[in-house]
Amino acid sequence: MKKGKTKLTIPALTFSLLLLFSCNSSIIFTDSAQVPDKVWQLDFNPVFSADITDTLTNCNILFTIRNGSDYSFRNLFLFVATTSPDGASITDTLEYTLADEKGNWFGKGFGDVHELTVQYKSNIYFPSKGKYIFKIQHGMRSEELKGVYDFGIRIVKTNNN
């Protein structure tokens, strides 16, 4: 008799937790791309396609960069091409500092893996519904960036809504 009760309680609890977290989620879109062989080649350009349905909510767009201690630089230059559903495109040139001048990595990490989340756009809204395409290319002078594990993007609702 107790076994039956336990089986009913665990699925009900799991469903309730999933429902609770999905209703309160501020995440609109999240995705990541694994860098082949942990070496970001100049011709590796991750592309992320976010289907946006809400044109009233302000959002932040964040990037997550995971790298190893064998990454040779303190910074990372990026070219980010964003294409809207109507085909209009804009390219931003960005620089992010990943470590201080003493080589201490920013963000969080464990062992050799370092993860840093950085702001791309803040408090913006998407003017039209549809697919927004984000194409990322590194803009470093070296064609190969050894020690970059993956690159991610996350679009979240701001607290200003």
Protein backbone atom coordinates (compact mmCIF):
# COMPACT_ATOMS: atom_id res chain seq x y z
CA MET A 1 0.00 0.00 0.00
CA LYS A 2 2.80 2.44 0.80
CA LYS A 3 4.55 1.66 -2.49
CA GLY A 4 1.51 2.81 -4.49
CA LYS A 5 1.29 6.01 -2.51
CA THR A 6 4.97 6.78 -3.09
CA LYS A 7 4.64 6.19 -6.84
CA LEU A 8 1.77 8.65 -7.05
CA THR A 9 3.51 11.26 -4.89
CA ILE A 10 6.80 11.44 -6.79
CA PRO A 11 5.26 12.06 -10.25
CA ALA A 12 2.83 14.58 -8.78
CA LEU A 13 5.65 16.40 -7.01
CA THR A 14 7.82 16.37 -10.13
CA PHE A 15 4.98 17.74 -12.27
CA SER A 16 4.21 20.44 -9.69
CA LEU A 17 7.83 21.57 -9.57
CA LEU A 18 8.08 21.68 -13.37
CA LEU A 19 4.88 23.69 -13.57
CA LEU A 20 6.05 26.09 -10.87
CA PHE A 21 9.42 26.75 -12.51
CA SER A 22 8.04 27.04 -16.04
CA CYS A 23 5.47 29.64 -14.98
CA ASN A 24 8.04 31.81 -13.23
CA SER A 25 10.78 31.43 -15.82
CA SER A 26 12.26 34.63 -17.17
CA ILE A 27 14.19 32.77 -19.87
CA ILE A 28 12.88 33.41 -23.37
CA PHE A 29 15.61 31.58 -25.26
CA THR A 30 18.79 29.71 -24.43
CA ASP A 31 21.21 27.71 -26.56
CA SER A 32 24.89 26.93 -26.81
CA ALA A 33 27.36 25.64 -29.37
CA GLN A 34 30.24 23.35 -28.55
CA VAL A 35 33.52 24.42 -30.14
CA PRO A 36 34.99 21.50 -32.13
CA ASP A 37 38.12 20.08 -30.51
CA LYS A 38 38.12 23.03 -28.05
CA VAL A 39 39.79 25.21 -30.70
CA TRP A 40 37.68 28.08 -32.03
CA GLN A 41 38.68 28.30 -35.69
CA LEU A 42 38.00 31.54 -37.55
CA ASP A 43 35.57 29.73 -39.86
CA PHE A 44 33.51 28.31 -36.95
CA ASN A 45 30.58 30.71 -36.64
CA PRO A 46 27.86 29.55 -34.26
CA VAL A 47 24.38 30.57 -35.40
CA PHE A 48 21.47 30.84 -32.98
CA SER A 49 17.86 31.21 -34.09
CA ALA A 50 15.48 32.64 -31.48
CA ASP A 51 11.76 32.60 -32.18
CA ILE A 52 10.44 35.77 -30.53
CA THR A 53 6.71 36.07 -29.92
CA ASP A 54 6.61 38.90 -27.33
CA THR A 55 7.24 42.43 -28.63
CA LEU A 56 6.31 44.23 -25.41
CA THR A 57 8.67 42.72 -22.85
CA ASN A 58 12.09 44.25 -22.25
CA CYS A 59 14.93 41.75 -22.40
CA ASN A 60 18.61 41.26 -21.74
CA ILE A 61 20.77 39.25 -24.11
CA LEU A 62 23.66 37.46 -22.44
CA PHE A 63 26.57 35.41 -23.73
CA THR A 64 28.26 32.60 -21.83
CA ILE A 65 31.86 31.79 -22.67
CA ARG A 66 33.45 28.59 -21.35
CA ASN A 67 37.18 28.24 -21.73
CA GLY A 68 40.13 26.40 -20.26
CA SER A 69 43.28 27.71 -18.66
CA ASP A 70 45.10 27.06 -21.93
CA TYR A 71 43.23 29.98 -23.56
CA SER A 72 46.14 32.32 -24.39
CA PHE A 73 44.44 35.70 -24.05
CA ARG A 74 42.82 37.84 -21.35
CA ASN A 75 40.15 39.10 -23.72
CA LEU A 76 37.91 38.01 -26.58
CA PHE A 77 36.81 40.12 -29.54
CA LEU A 78 33.55 39.12 -31.23
CA PHE A 79 31.63 40.10 -34.32
CA VAL A 80 27.93 39.56 -33.68
CA ALA A 81 25.62 39.78 -36.70
CA THR A 82 21.94 40.01 -35.77
CA THR A 83 19.29 39.55 -38.43
CA SER A 84 15.65 40.41 -37.72
CA PRO A 85 12.61 38.62 -39.18
CA ASP A 86 12.30 41.28 -41.92
CA GLY A 87 15.89 40.62 -43.06
CA ALA A 88 17.48 43.76 -41.62
CA SER A 89 20.93 43.04 -40.24
CA ILE A 90 23.34 44.79 -37.90
CA THR A 91 26.85 43.74 -36.86
CA ASP A 92 28.40 44.70 -33.53
CA THR A 93 32.08 44.51 -32.67
CA LEU A 94 32.54 43.62 -29.02
CA GLU A 95 35.39 43.03 -26.61
CA TYR A 96 35.04 41.07 -23.40
CA THR A 97 37.70 40.79 -20.71
CA LEU A 98 37.94 37.20 -19.45
CA ALA A 99 40.83 37.56 -16.97
CA ASP A 100 42.58 40.27 -15.00
CA GLU A 101 46.15 41.42 -15.65
CA LYS A 102 47.49 38.73 -13.28
CA GLY A 103 45.73 35.96 -15.20
CA ASN A 104 42.90 35.38 -12.72
CA TRP A 105 39.82 34.31 -14.65
CA PHE A 106 36.54 36.15 -14.13
CA GLY A 107 33.28 34.28 -13.64
CA LYS A 108 33.03 30.89 -12.07
CA GLY A 109 34.95 27.75 -12.61
CA PHE A 110 36.15 24.45 -11.33
CA GLY A 111 39.56 23.05 -12.15
CA ASP A 112 40.49 23.93 -15.69
CA VAL A 113 37.02 25.07 -16.81
CA HIS A 114 36.12 28.76 -16.53
CA GLU A 115 32.66 30.11 -17.31
CA LEU A 116 31.82 33.77 -17.71
CA THR A 117 28.42 35.26 -18.51
CA VAL A 118 28.59 38.69 -20.12
CA GLN A 119 26.00 41.24 -21.19
CA TYR A 120 25.44 41.75 -24.91
CA LYS A 121 22.31 43.93 -24.93
CA SER A 122 20.39 45.23 -21.95
CA ASN A 123 16.82 46.38 -21.49
CA ILE A 124 15.86 46.05 -25.15
CA TYR A 125 12.68 44.89 -26.79
CA PHE A 126 12.20 43.07 -30.08
CA PRO A 127 10.19 45.27 -32.47
CA SER A 128 8.58 42.44 -34.44
CA LYS A 129 7.63 38.81 -33.95
CA GLY A 130 9.56 36.07 -35.69
CA LYS A 131 13.00 34.51 -35.93
CA TYR A 132 16.01 36.56 -34.91
CA ILE A 133 19.30 35.09 -36.07
CA PHE A 134 22.52 35.69 -34.12
CA LYS A 135 25.75 34.74 -35.90
CA ILE A 136 28.91 34.84 -33.80
CA GLN A 137 32.46 35.08 -35.13
CA HIS A 138 35.57 35.59 -33.06
CA GLY A 139 37.54 38.68 -33.99
CA MET A 140 40.95 37.83 -32.59
CA ARG A 141 44.13 38.17 -34.67
CA SER A 142 44.90 34.51 -34.22
CA GLU A 143 42.83 32.28 -36.51
CA GLU A 144 42.76 29.50 -33.89
CA LEU A 145 41.71 30.10 -30.30
CA LYS A 146 42.85 27.08 -28.34
CA GLY A 147 40.99 26.43 -25.11
CA VAL A 148 37.50 27.72 -25.96
CA TYR A 149 35.03 24.97 -25.04
CA ASP A 150 31.67 26.44 -25.94
CA PHE A 151 29.71 29.60 -26.50
CA GLY A 152 26.14 30.21 -25.41
CA ILE A 153 23.40 32.79 -25.69
CA ARG A 154 20.49 33.50 -23.38
CA ILE A 155 17.62 35.96 -23.77
CA VAL A 156 15.86 36.77 -20.52
CA LYS A 157 13.08 39.09 -19.43
CA THR A 158 14.26 42.08 -17.44
CA ASN A 159 12.87 42.92 -14.02
CA ASN A 160 11.53 46.22 -15.42
CA ASN A 161 8.40 44.64 -16.89
